[in-house]
C-alpha atoms as a PDB file:
ATOM      1  CA  MET A   1      21.586 -21.034  74.440  1.00  0.00           C
ATOM      2  CA  ASN A   2      24.254 -18.716  76.099  1.00  0.00           C
ATOM      3  CA  TRP A   3      27.220 -20.599  76.699  1.00  0.00           C
ATOM      4  CA  VAL A   4      29.650 -19.303  78.905  1.00  0.00           C
ATOM      5  CA  ILE A   5      32.715 -20.217  78.055  1.00  0.00           C
ATOM      6  CA  ILE A   6      36.448 -19.930  79.730  1.00  0.00           C
ATOM      7  CA  LEU A   7      39.209 -20.244  76.722  1.00  0.00           C
ATOM      8  CA  ALA A   8      42.350 -21.971  77.978  1.00  0.00           C
ATOM      9  CA  GLU A   9      44.834 -19.306  77.955  1.00  0.00           C
ATOM     10  CA  GLY A  10      47.890 -20.240  75.370  1.00  0.00           C
ATOM     11  CA  ASN A  11      46.109 -23.037  73.958  1.00  0.00           C
ATOM     12  CA  GLU A  12      47.456 -24.782  71.002  1.00  0.00           C
ATOM     13  CA  SER A  13      46.567 -27.644  68.801  1.00  0.00           C
ATOM     14  CA  ILE A  14      49.217 -29.929  69.274  1.00  0.00           C
ATOM     15  CA  SER A  15      48.627 -29.852  73.369  1.00  0.00           C
ATOM     16  CA  ILE A  16      44.987 -30.699  72.331  1.00  0.00           C
ATOM     17  CA  SER A  17      46.127 -33.466  70.202  1.00  0.00           C
ATOM     18  CA  GLU A  18      48.541 -34.386  73.177  1.00  0.00           C
ATOM     19  CA  LYS A  19      45.600 -34.501  75.613  1.00  0.00           C
ATOM     20  CA  PHE A  20      43.183 -36.049  73.014  1.00  0.00           C
ATOM     21  CA  TRP A  21      46.025 -39.116  72.572  1.00  0.00           C
ATOM     22  CA  ASN A  22      46.788 -39.454  76.289  1.00  0.00           C
ATOM     23  CA  ALA A  23      43.525 -39.723  77.586  1.00  0.00           C
ATOM     24  CA  SER A  24      42.069 -43.165  78.444  1.00  0.00           C
ATOM     25  CA  ILE A  25      39.037 -45.015  77.052  1.00  0.00           C
ATOM     26  CA  SER A  26      36.930 -43.527  79.511  1.00  0.00           C
ATOM     27  CA  GLU A  27      37.723 -40.031  79.340  1.00  0.00           C
ATOM     28  CA  LEU A  28      37.571 -40.535  75.377  1.00  0.00           C
ATOM     29  CA  LYS A  29      33.699 -41.854  75.643  1.00  0.00           C
ATOM     30  CA  GLN A  30      33.071 -38.737  78.068  1.00  0.00           C
ATOM     31  CA  GLY A  31      34.930 -36.296  76.020  1.00  0.00           C
ATOM     32  CA  TYR A  32      36.967 -34.354  78.455  1.00  0.00           C
ATOM     33  CA  ARG A  33      39.572 -35.183  81.461  1.00  0.00           C
ATOM     34  CA  PHE A  34      40.242 -33.371  84.611  1.00  0.00           C
ATOM     35  CA  GLU A  35      43.555 -31.869  85.367  1.00  0.00           C
ATOM     36  CA  MET A  36      45.147 -30.089  88.102  1.00  0.00           C
ATOM     37  CA  ARG A  37      47.329 -26.795  87.534  1.00  0.00           C
ATOM     38  CA  GLU A  38      48.474 -24.412  90.190  1.00  0.00           C
ATOM     39  CA  HIS A  39      45.891 -25.457  92.882  1.00  0.00           C
ATOM     40  CA  SER A  40      43.171 -25.205  90.313  1.00  0.00           C
ATOM     41  CA  GLY A  41      41.505 -28.160  88.909  1.00  0.00           C
ATOM     42  CA  PHE A  42      40.147 -27.732  85.208  1.00  0.00           C
ATOM     43  CA  TYR A  43      37.934 -29.986  82.887  1.00  0.00           C
ATOM     44  CA  THR A  44      39.569 -29.690  79.496  1.00  0.00           C
ATOM     45  CA  CYS A  45      37.282 -30.885  76.312  1.00  0.00           C
ATOM     46  CA  LEU A  46      39.373 -33.473  74.282  1.00  0.00           C
ATOM     47  CA  VAL A  47      37.432 -31.703  71.329  1.00  0.00           C
ATOM     48  CA  CYS A  48      38.045 -28.519  71.250  1.00  0.00           C
ATOM     49  CA  GLY A  49      40.233 -27.444  74.274  1.00  0.00           C
ATOM     50  CA  GLU A  50      37.885 -25.393  75.851  1.00  0.00           C
ATOM     51  CA  GLU A  51      38.380 -25.394  79.783  1.00  0.00           C
ATOM     52  CA  PHE A  52      35.790 -25.436  82.917  1.00  0.00           C
ATOM     53  CA  GLU A  53      37.301 -24.675  85.898  1.00  0.00           C
ATOM     54  CA  LYS A  54      36.093 -26.501  88.893  1.00  0.00           C
ATOM     55  CA  GLY A  55      34.870 -24.290  91.679  1.00  0.00           C
ATOM     56  CA  LEU A  56      33.029 -22.266  89.316  1.00  0.00           C
ATOM     57  CA  ILE A  57      29.417 -22.139  88.396  1.00  0.00           C
ATOM     58  CA  TYR A  58      28.396 -22.027  85.186  1.00  0.00           C
ATOM     59  CA  LYS A  59      25.218 -20.787  83.349  1.00  0.00           C
ATOM     60  CA  GLU A  60      22.881 -22.195  80.459  1.00  0.00           C
ATOM     61  CA  ASP A  61      19.368 -20.478  79.641  1.00  0.00           C
ATOM     62  CA  SER A  62      18.199 -20.699  83.556  1.00  0.00           C
ATOM     63  CA  ARG A  63      19.867 -23.567  84.790  1.00  0.00           C
ATOM     64  CA  TYR A  64      23.307 -23.327  86.616  1.00  0.00           C
ATOM     65  CA  TYR A  65      25.879 -26.257  86.279  1.00  0.00           C
ATOM     66  CA  GLU A  66      29.062 -27.257  88.301  1.00  0.00           C
ATOM     67  CA  ALA A  67      32.242 -27.557  86.006  1.00  0.00           C
ATOM     68  CA  GLY A  68      32.331 -31.222  85.682  1.00  0.00           C
ATOM     69  CA  LYS A  69      28.311 -31.242  84.544  1.00  0.00           C
ATOM     70  CA  TYR A  70      28.885 -28.474  82.240  1.00  0.00           C
ATOM     71  CA  ALA A  71      31.827 -29.820  80.527  1.00  0.00           C
ATOM     72  CA  ALA A  72      29.443 -33.177  79.872  1.00  0.00           C
ATOM     73  CA  LEU A  73      26.976 -30.782  78.506  1.00  0.00           C
ATOM     74  CA  HIS A  74      29.421 -28.519  76.674  1.00  0.00           C
ATOM     75  CA  VAL A  75      30.848 -32.021  74.911  1.00  0.00           C
ATOM     76  CA  GLU A  76      27.001 -33.302  73.975  1.00  0.00           C
ATOM     77  CA  GLN A  77      25.323 -29.863  72.893  1.00  0.00           C
ATOM     78  CA  VAL A  78      28.654 -28.295  71.093  1.00  0.00           C
ATOM     79  CA  HIS A  79      30.223 -31.230  69.458  1.00  0.00           C
ATOM     80  CA  GLY A  80      26.923 -33.391  69.326  1.00  0.00           C
ATOM     81  CA  GLY A  81      28.379 -36.350  71.610  1.00  0.00           C
ATOM     82  CA  MET A  82      31.450 -38.434  71.592  1.00  0.00           C
ATOM     83  CA  PHE A  83      29.944 -40.917  69.571  1.00  0.00           C
ATOM     84  CA  LYS A  84      28.786 -39.238  67.184  1.00  0.00           C
ATOM     85  CA  TRP A  85      32.054 -36.956  67.041  1.00  0.00           C
ATOM     86  CA  LEU A  86      34.592 -39.918  67.083  1.00  0.00           C
ATOM     87  CA  LEU A  87      32.666 -41.704  64.604  1.00  0.00           C
ATOM     88  CA  GLY A  88      33.203 -38.638  62.203  1.00  0.00           C
ATOM     89  CA  LEU A  89      37.177 -38.965  62.167  1.00  0.00           C
ATOM     90  CA  ASP A  90      39.078 -39.829  59.245  1.00  0.00           C
ATOM     91  CA  LYS A  91      39.661 -43.490  58.767  1.00  0.00           C
ATOM     92  CA  LYS A  92      43.550 -43.039  59.159  1.00  0.00           C
ATOM     93  CA  LEU A  93      42.757 -42.148  62.785  1.00  0.00           C
ATOM     94  CA  THR A  94      39.935 -44.851  63.470  1.00  0.00           C
ATOM     95  CA  GLY A  95      40.664 -47.432  60.825  1.00  0.00           C
ATOM     96  CA  LEU A  96      36.751 -47.631  60.365  1.00  0.00           C
ATOM     97  CA  THR A  97      35.443 -48.017  57.032  1.00  0.00           C
ATOM     98  CA  GLU A  98      32.014 -46.158  55.690  1.00  0.00           C
ATOM     99  CA  LEU A  99      30.331 -49.281  55.955  1.00  0.00           C
ATOM    100  CA  GLN A 100      31.682 -50.277  59.493  1.00  0.00           C
ATOM    101  CA  LYS A 101      30.696 -46.682  60.734  1.00  0.00           C
ATOM    102  CA  GLY A 102      27.175 -47.397  59.157  1.00  0.00           C
ATOM    103  CA  LEU A 103      26.730 -50.554  61.048  1.00  0.00           C
ATOM    104  CA  LEU A 104      28.317 -48.999  64.431  1.00  0.00           C
ATOM    105  CA  ASN A 105      25.639 -46.104  64.039  1.00  0.00           C
ATOM    106  CA  ALA A 106      23.050 -48.545  63.710  1.00  0.00           C
ATOM    107  CA  PHE A 107      23.852 -50.777  67.006  1.00  0.00           C
ATOM    108  CA  ARG A 108      23.804 -47.524  68.440  1.00  0.00           C
ATOM    109  CA  HIS A 109      20.530 -46.769  67.680  1.00  0.00           C
ATOM    110  CA  SER A 110      19.532 -50.433  68.584  1.00  0.00           C
ATOM    111  CA  LEU A 111      18.531 -51.419  65.053  1.00  0.00           C
ATOM    112  CA  SER A 112      18.320 -55.235  64.821  1.00  0.00           C
ATOM    113  CA  ASP A 113      20.259 -57.090  62.238  1.00  0.00           C
ATOM    114  CA  GLY A 114      17.422 -57.044  59.753  1.00  0.00           C
ATOM    115  CA  GLU A 115      16.756 -53.308  60.394  1.00  0.00           C
ATOM    116  CA  ALA A 116      20.297 -52.458  59.942  1.00  0.00           C
ATOM    117  CA  ALA A 117      20.801 -54.463  56.608  1.00  0.00           C
ATOM    118  CA  ARG A 118      17.752 -52.596  55.150  1.00  0.00           C
ATOM    119  CA  GLU A 119      19.133 -49.390  56.338  1.00  0.00           C
ATOM    120  CA  LEU A 120      22.754 -49.779  55.098  1.00  0.00           C
ATOM    121  CA  GLY A 121      21.208 -51.817  51.996  1.00  0.00           C
ATOM    122  CA  ILE A 122      23.954 -54.402  52.365  1.00  0.00           C
ATOM    123  CA  GLY A 123      22.195 -57.524  51.814  1.00  0.00           C
ATOM    124  CA  SER A 124      21.053 -60.249  54.181  1.00  0.00           C
ATOM    125  CA  THR A 125      20.336 -60.467  57.914  1.00  0.00           C
ATOM    126  CA  SER A 126      23.426 -62.771  58.004  1.00  0.00           C
ATOM    127  CA  THR A 127      25.722 -60.544  56.232  1.00  0.00           C
ATOM    128  CA  VAL A 128      25.343 -57.733  59.056  1.00  0.00           C
ATOM    129  CA  ARG A 129      25.609 -60.446  61.967  1.00  0.00           C
ATOM    130  CA  ASN A 130      29.119 -61.379  60.088  1.00  0.00           C
ATOM    131  CA  HIS A 131      30.078 -57.577  60.279  1.00  0.00           C
ATOM    132  CA  ARG A 132      29.086 -57.484  63.604  1.00  0.00           C
ATOM    133  CA  PHE A 133      31.020 -60.564  64.869  1.00  0.00           C
ATOM    134  CA  THR A 134      34.136 -58.912  62.677  1.00  0.00           C
ATOM    135  CA  LEU A 135      33.969 -55.939  64.776  1.00  0.00           C
ATOM    136  CA  ARG A 136      33.649 -57.741  68.243  1.00  0.00           C
ATOM    137  CA  GLU A 137      36.906 -59.759  67.257  1.00  0.00           C
ATOM    138  CA  LYS A 138      38.927 -56.379  66.483  1.00  0.00           C
ATOM    139  CA  VAL A 139      37.671 -55.496  70.074  1.00  0.00           C
ATOM    140  CA  LYS A 140      39.398 -58.246  71.626  1.00  0.00           C
ATOM    141  CA  GLN A 141      42.494 -57.688  69.342  1.00  0.00           C
ATOM    142  CA  ALA A 142      42.707 -54.043  70.159  1.00  0.00           C
ATOM    143  CA  LYS A 143      42.774 -55.217  74.396  1.00  0.00           C
ATOM    144  CA  LEU A 144      45.453 -57.764  73.375  1.00  0.00           C
ATOM    145  CA  PHE A 145      47.567 -55.437  71.710  1.00  0.00           C
ATOM    146  CA  LEU A 146      47.185 -52.356  74.157  1.00  0.00           C
ATOM    147  CA  ALA A 147      48.240 -54.776  77.119  1.00  0.00           C
ATOM    148  CA  VAL A 148      51.186 -56.246  74.847  1.00  0.00           C
ATOM    149  CA  MET A 149      52.430 -52.504  74.153  1.00  0.00           C
ATOM    150  CA  GLU A 150      52.342 -51.335  77.449  1.00  0.00           C
ATOM    151  CA  LEU A 151      53.917 -54.262  78.688  1.00  0.00           C
ATOM    152  CA  ALA A 152      56.447 -53.955  76.323  1.00  0.00           C
ATOM    153  CA  GLU A 153      57.279 -50.198  76.702  1.00  0.00           C
ATOM    154  CA  GLU A 154      57.249 -50.528  80.440  1.00  0.00           C
ATOM    155  CA  LYS A 155      60.818 -50.969  80.906  1.00  0.00           C
ATOM    156  CA  PRO A 156      62.273 -47.425  81.628  1.00  0.00           C
ATOM    157  CA  GLY A 157      64.741 -46.509  78.566  1.00  0.00           C
ATOM    158  CA  ALA A 158      63.103 -49.233  76.628  1.00  0.00           C
ATOM    159  CA  SER A 159      62.804 -46.724  73.914  1.00  0.00           C
ATOM    160  CA  SER A 160      62.181 -43.148  73.039  1.00  0.00           C
ATOM    161  CA  PRO A 161      58.643 -41.958  73.195  1.00  0.00           C
ATOM    162  CA  PHE A 162      57.136 -40.295  70.040  1.00  0.00           C
ATOM    163  CA  VAL A 163      55.981 -36.938  69.739  1.00  0.00           C
ATOM    164  CA  SER A 164      52.051 -36.636  69.508  1.00  0.00           C
ATOM    165  CA  ILE A 165      50.623 -36.492  65.939  1.00  0.00           C
ATOM    166  CA  PRO A 166      48.190 -33.824  65.353  1.00  0.00           C
ATOM    167  CA  ARG A 167      44.751 -35.129  65.016  1.00  0.00           C
ATOM    168  CA  SER A 168      44.254 -33.173  61.663  1.00  0.00           C
ATOM    169  CA  ALA A 169      47.191 -34.397  59.994  1.00  0.00           C
ATOM    170  CA  ALA A 170      46.637 -34.832  56.339  1.00  0.00           C
ATOM    171  CA  MET A 171      48.724 -37.692  56.007  1.00  0.00           C
ATOM    172  CA  VAL A 172      49.890 -40.093  59.079  1.00  0.00           C
ATOM    173  CA  ASP A 173      52.797 -41.859  58.046  1.00  0.00           C
ATOM    174  CA  GLU A 174      56.666 -41.677  58.378  1.00  0.00           C
ATOM    175  CA  ARG A 175      57.106 -38.245  58.456  1.00  0.00           C
ATOM    176  CA  PHE A 176      55.626 -38.203  61.413  1.00  0.00           C
ATOM    177  CA  ALA A 177      57.369 -41.139  63.148  1.00  0.00           C
ATOM    178  CA  ILE A 178      59.817 -38.828  65.216  1.00  0.00           C
ATOM    179  CA  THR A 179      60.725 -39.404  68.812  1.00  0.00           C
ATOM    180  CA  GLU A 180      60.956 -36.861  71.472  1.00  0.00           C
ATOM    181  CA  GLU A 181      64.760 -37.103  71.047  1.00  0.00           C
ATOM    182  CA  GLU A 182      64.909 -36.509  67.324  1.00  0.00           C
ATOM    183  CA  ASN A 183      62.434 -33.615  67.656  1.00  0.00           C
ATOM    184  CA  ALA A 184      64.744 -31.890  69.856  1.00  0.00           C
ATOM    185  CA  GLU A 185      67.758 -32.618  67.546  1.00  0.00           C
ATOM    186  CA  ILE A 186      65.652 -31.288  64.602  1.00  0.00           C
ATOM    187  CA  LEU A 187      64.581 -27.996  66.628  1.00  0.00           C
ATOM    188  CA  SER A 188      67.849 -27.408  67.939  1.00  0.00           C
ATOM    189  CA  ALA A 189      69.094 -27.526  64.529  1.00  0.00           C
ATOM    190  CA  TYR A 190      66.894 -25.221  62.964  1.00  0.00           C
ATOM    191  CA  PHE A 191      65.810 -22.842  65.485  1.00  0.00           C
ATOM    192  CA  LYS A 192      69.385 -22.070  66.473  1.00  0.00           C
ATOM    193  CA  GLN A 193      68.030 -19.030  68.643  1.00  0.00           C
ATOM    194  CA  GLY A 194      65.475 -20.959  70.034  1.00  0.00           C
ATOM    195  CA  PRO A 195      61.840 -22.805  69.122  1.00  0.00           C
ATOM    196  CA  GLU A 196      60.325 -19.070  69.130  1.00  0.00           C
ATOM    197  CA  GLY A 197      63.351 -17.835  66.944  1.00  0.00           C
ATOM    198  CA  PRO A 198      63.877 -17.452  63.044  1.00  0.00           C
ATOM    199  CA  LEU A 199      64.430 -20.619  60.989  1.00  0.00           C
ATOM    200  CA  SER A 200      67.923 -21.293  59.816  1.00  0.00           C
ATOM    201  CA  GLU A 201      66.611 -22.919  56.883  1.00  0.00           C
ATOM    202  CA  PHE A 202      63.629 -25.077  55.884  1.00  0.00           C
ATOM    203  CA  PRO A 203      64.636 -28.559  55.435  1.00  0.00           C
ATOM    204  CA  LYS A 204      64.172 -30.677  52.237  1.00  0.00           C
ATOM    205  CA  LYS A 205      63.930 -34.049  54.331  1.00  0.00           C
ATOM    206  CA  GLN A 206      59.836 -34.711  55.042  1.00  0.00           C
ATOM    207  CA  LYS A 207      60.695 -35.786  58.600  1.00  0.00           C
ATOM    208  CA  ARG A 208      62.354 -32.876  59.479  1.00  0.00           C
ATOM    209  CA  LYS A 209      59.798 -30.395  57.594  1.00  0.00           C
ATOM    210  CA  ALA A 210      57.019 -32.344  59.852  1.00  0.00           C
ATOM    211  CA  ALA A 211      58.933 -31.463  63.256  1.00  0.00           C
ATOM    212  CA  ILE A 212      59.559 -27.855  61.940  1.00  0.00           C
ATOM    213  CA  LEU A 213      55.731 -27.154  60.896  1.00  0.00           C
ATOM    214  CA  ARG A 214      54.721 -29.060  64.236  1.00  0.00           C
ATOM    215  CA  GLN A 215      56.617 -26.248  66.087  1.00  0.00           C
ATOM    216  CA  LEU A 216      55.142 -23.699  63.850  1.00  0.00           C
ATOM    217  CA  ILE A 217      51.655 -24.281  64.371  1.00  0.00           C
ATOM    218  CA  LYS A 218      52.367 -23.541  67.888  1.00  0.00           C
ATOM    219  CA  ARG A 219      52.607 -19.798  67.281  1.00  0.00           C
ATOM    220  CA  PHE A 220      48.799 -19.643  66.356  1.00  0.00           C
ATOM    221  CA  GLU A 221      46.088 -19.667  68.855  1.00  0.00           C
ATOM    222  CA  THR A 222      43.498 -22.268  68.525  1.00  0.00           C
ATOM    223  CA  GLY A 223      39.985 -21.169  68.239  1.00  0.00           C
ATOM    224  CA  ARG A 224      41.199 -17.849  66.521  1.00  0.00           C
ATOM    225  CA  GLN A 225      40.443 -16.421  62.897  1.00  0.00           C
ATOM    226  CA  TYR A 226      43.488 -15.188  61.190  1.00  0.00           C
ATOM    227  CA  THR A 227      43.433 -12.664  57.838  1.00  0.00           C
ATOM    228  CA  GLU A 228      46.463 -13.630  55.302  1.00  0.00           C
ATOM    229  CA  LYS A 229      48.163 -10.834  56.386  1.00  0.00           C
ATOM    230  CA  GLU A 230      47.957 -11.880  59.911  1.00  0.00           C
ATOM    231  CA  VAL A 231      49.394 -15.400  58.689  1.00  0.00           C
ATOM    232  CA  ASN A 232      52.008 -14.020  57.008  1.00  0.00           C
ATOM    233  CA  ALA A 233      53.010 -11.785  59.817  1.00  0.00           C
ATOM    234  CA  ILE A 234      53.133 -14.452  62.211  1.00  0.00           C
ATOM    235  CA  LEU A 235      55.377 -16.778  59.537  1.00  0.00           C
ATOM    236  CA  LYS A 236      57.735 -13.937  58.706  1.00  0.00           C
ATOM    237  CA  GLU A 237      59.149 -14.065  61.891  1.00  0.00           C
ATOM    238  CA  ALA A 238      60.428 -17.470  61.257  1.00  0.00           C
ATOM    239  CA  SER A 239      61.591 -17.082  57.543  1.00  0.00           C
ATOM    240  CA  SER A 240      61.281 -14.242  54.828  1.00  0.00           C
ATOM    241  CA  ASP A 241      59.898 -17.154  52.563  1.00  0.00           C
ATOM    242  CA  TYR A 242      56.742 -17.270  54.486  1.00  0.00           C
ATOM    243  CA  VAL A 243      54.728 -18.161  51.667  1.00  0.00           C
ATOM    244  CA  THR A 244      56.542 -21.577  51.384  1.00  0.00           C
ATOM    245  CA  LEU A 245      55.703 -22.466  55.005  1.00  0.00           C
ATOM    246  CA  ARG A 246      52.053 -21.133  54.671  1.00  0.00           C
ATOM    247  CA  ARG A 247      51.971 -23.704  51.934  1.00  0.00           C
ATOM    248  CA  TYR A 248      53.196 -26.396  53.952  1.00  0.00           C
ATOM    249  CA  LEU A 249      51.336 -25.883  57.219  1.00  0.00           C
ATOM    250  CA  ILE A 250      48.137 -26.306  54.759  1.00  0.00           C
ATOM    251  CA  ASP A 251      49.360 -28.985  52.923  1.00  0.00           C
ATOM    252  CA  TYR A 252      50.261 -31.010  56.125  1.00  0.00           C
ATOM    253  CA  GLY A 253      46.912 -30.191  57.472  1.00  0.00           C
ATOM    254  CA  LEU A 254      47.934 -28.313  60.459  1.00  0.00           C
ATOM    255  CA  LEU A 255      46.430 -25.040  59.154  1.00  0.00           C
ATOM    256  CA  ASP A 256      43.074 -24.328  57.002  1.00  0.00           C
ATOM    257  CA  ARG A 257      41.626 -21.777  55.371  1.00  0.00           C
ATOM    258  CA  GLU A 258      38.297 -20.519  53.524  1.00  0.00           C
ATOM    259  CA  PRO A 259      38.674 -21.287  49.523  1.00  0.00           C
ATOM    260  CA  ASP A 260      38.790 -17.523  48.961  1.00  0.00           C
ATOM    261  CA  GLY A 261      41.865 -17.113  51.599  1.00  0.00           C
ATOM    262  CA  SER A 262      40.114 -14.526  53.253  1.00  0.00           C
ATOM    263  CA  THR A 263      40.177 -16.624  56.552  1.00  0.00           C
ATOM    264  CA  TYR A 264      42.711 -18.723  58.266  1.00  0.00           C
ATOM    265  CA  TRP A 265      42.413 -21.026  61.339  1.00  0.00           C
ATOM    266  CA  VAL A 266      44.402 -23.918  63.222  1.00  0.00           C
ATOM    267  CA  LYS A 267      42.788 -27.324  62.410  1.00  0.00           C
ATOM    268  CA  LEU A 268      42.257 -29.280  65.511  1.00  0.00           C
END
């Protein structure tokens, strides 16, 4: 299978996370979103950030596709479809237990309650039926919660919006409860020569660390593999203590590496 891919220029894990979290339900289901930039339209994959430009024709094997259909094919062929990909996300993001994931997968494949019970080894048909009922109640609650939150935040100036949390973050907790205003203040205090400049110091408070690391990961390209030497060189521009920065980027789930440290890459 020959994929013709156009990579987003300057693509960053944070921007991919922002697009992912800002996507509508229908966009999350299809796995890509359309956006206009400088008189050109792009279909952007919400999983990896790859872009397909409207008006271009893409070839896969002996068939040709316009950009939107090719984006849909990309999501299915490269990422296995959005149902599988979303179901594979960590519990901290979906709130789903392993049992609930198994049940949803069974429902997706049209298994009866009895077949699902046997497949998952969870007892009787009534047990599955109760779980199905609970999941449907969660859907109702989620709809109402979204409506209430949107109403609460629709007043201008009601509250400062939070910066997006990287999907790969090892822990989603108060460390990432950073408003855009707080984030700007932290970056201004610690990057006195601008966000691309050196760090004045590495803060001790966890929330400030998170803001700094969230900014530092933007210096790396997504989809690219780095040697440890290359990672060190990039981080050395921010601080002479690049080893500490590298360790925290890994600990916070923003940067990943091979067990032997031979290769590093941005986690998506």
